[in-house]
Amino acid sequence: MEDAGNDMAKIQAELLKLTEQIARINETPLDILCENVDSESPSPDTTSSTEA
């Protein structure tokens, strides 16, 4: 049973790390995220024409 306890501790530590990362992401203004996506992605015209 001690192994299960150790596994739970590892899982909880990983969960805490991920939760902190998500919290940091949520603090980022959406405007900045949208600007980054717009500047990196190709223009909508090219993507829509390939889909059609």
C-alpha atoms as a PDB file:
ATOM      1  CA  MET A   1       0.000   0.000   0.000  1.00  0.00           C
ATOM      2  CA  GLU A   2       2.957   2.350   0.482  1.00  0.00           C
ATOM      3  CA  ASP A   3       3.630   2.271  -3.279  1.00  0.00           C
ATOM      4  CA  ALA A   4       0.117   3.554  -3.948  1.00  0.00           C
ATOM      5  CA  GLY A   5       0.692   6.380  -1.477  1.00  0.00           C
ATOM      6  CA  ASN A   6       3.916   7.354  -3.231  1.00  0.00           C
ATOM      7  CA  ASP A   7       2.157   7.299  -6.599  1.00  0.00           C
ATOM      8  CA  MET A   8      -0.582   9.564  -5.256  1.00  0.00           C
ATOM      9  CA  ALA A   9       2.028  12.014  -3.960  1.00  0.00           C
ATOM     10  CA  LYS A  10       3.699  12.092  -7.387  1.00  0.00           C
ATOM     11  CA  ILE A  11       0.361  12.591  -9.125  1.00  0.00           C
ATOM     12  CA  GLN A  12      -0.611  15.396  -6.758  1.00  0.00           C
ATOM     13  CA  ALA A  13       2.738  17.118  -7.324  1.00  0.00           C
ATOM     14  CA  GLU A  14       2.282  16.917 -11.111  1.00  0.00           C
ATOM     15  CA  LEU A  15      -1.281  18.180 -10.800  1.00  0.00           C
ATOM     16  CA  LEU A  16      -0.082  21.146  -8.760  1.00  0.00           C
ATOM     17  CA  LYS A  17       2.511  22.029 -11.414  1.00  0.00           C
ATOM     18  CA  LEU A  18      -0.080  21.842 -14.195  1.00  0.00           C
ATOM     19  CA  THR A  19      -2.581  23.866 -12.195  1.00  0.00           C
ATOM     20  CA  GLU A  20       0.012  26.603 -11.673  1.00  0.00           C
ATOM     21  CA  GLN A  21       0.807  26.627 -15.400  1.00  0.00           C
ATOM     22  CA  ILE A  22      -2.892  26.941 -16.251  1.00  0.00           C
ATOM     23  CA  ALA A  23      -3.251  29.782 -13.762  1.00  0.00           C
ATOM     24  CA  ARG A  24      -0.381  31.639 -15.465  1.00  0.00           C
ATOM     25  CA  ILE A  25      -1.961  31.085 -18.890  1.00  0.00           C
ATOM     26  CA  ASN A  26      -5.317  32.359 -17.617  1.00  0.00           C
ATOM     27  CA  GLU A  27      -3.625  35.535 -16.382  1.00  0.00           C
ATOM     28  CA  THR A  28      -2.448  36.309 -19.920  1.00  0.00           C
ATOM     29  CA  PRO A  29      -4.788  38.785 -21.642  1.00  0.00           C
ATOM     30  CA  LEU A  30      -6.652  37.173 -24.531  1.00  0.00           C
ATOM     31  CA  ASP A  31      -5.744  40.107 -26.787  1.00  0.00           C
ATOM     32  CA  ILE A  32      -2.072  39.119 -26.616  1.00  0.00           C
ATOM     33  CA  LEU A  33      -2.858  35.482 -27.372  1.00  0.00           C
ATOM     34  CA  CYS A  34      -5.006  36.458 -30.359  1.00  0.00           C
ATOM     35  CA  GLU A  35      -2.304  38.777 -31.703  1.00  0.00           C
ATOM     36  CA  ASN A  36       0.260  35.986 -31.502  1.00  0.00           C
ATOM     37  CA  VAL A  37      -2.032  33.585 -33.349  1.00  0.00           C
ATOM     38  CA  ASP A  38      -2.851  36.135 -36.044  1.00  0.00           C
ATOM     39  CA  SER A  39       0.799  36.958 -36.709  1.00  0.00           C
ATOM     40  CA  GLU A  40       1.877  33.299 -36.910  1.00  0.00           C
ATOM     41  CA  SER A  41      -1.042  31.823 -38.881  1.00  0.00           C
ATOM     42  CA  PRO A  42      -1.446  32.121 -42.645  1.00  0.00           C
ATOM     43  CA  SER A  43      -4.092  34.456 -44.005  1.00  0.00           C
ATOM     44  CA  PRO A  44      -7.692  33.159 -43.762  1.00  0.00           C
ATOM     45  CA  ASP A  45      -8.117  33.404 -47.544  1.00  0.00           C
ATOM     46  CA  THR A  46      -5.590  30.649 -48.272  1.00  0.00           C
ATOM     47  CA  THR A  47      -6.987  28.289 -45.623  1.00  0.00           C
ATOM     48  CA  SER A  48     -10.619  28.742 -46.672  1.00  0.00           C
ATOM     49  CA  SER A  49      -9.830  28.161 -50.368  1.00  0.00           C
ATOM     50  CA  THR A  50      -8.048  24.853 -49.613  1.00  0.00           C
ATOM     51  CA  GLU A  51     -10.989  23.640 -47.522  1.00  0.00           C
ATOM     52  CA  ALA A  52     -13.576  24.408 -50.249  1.00  0.00           C
END
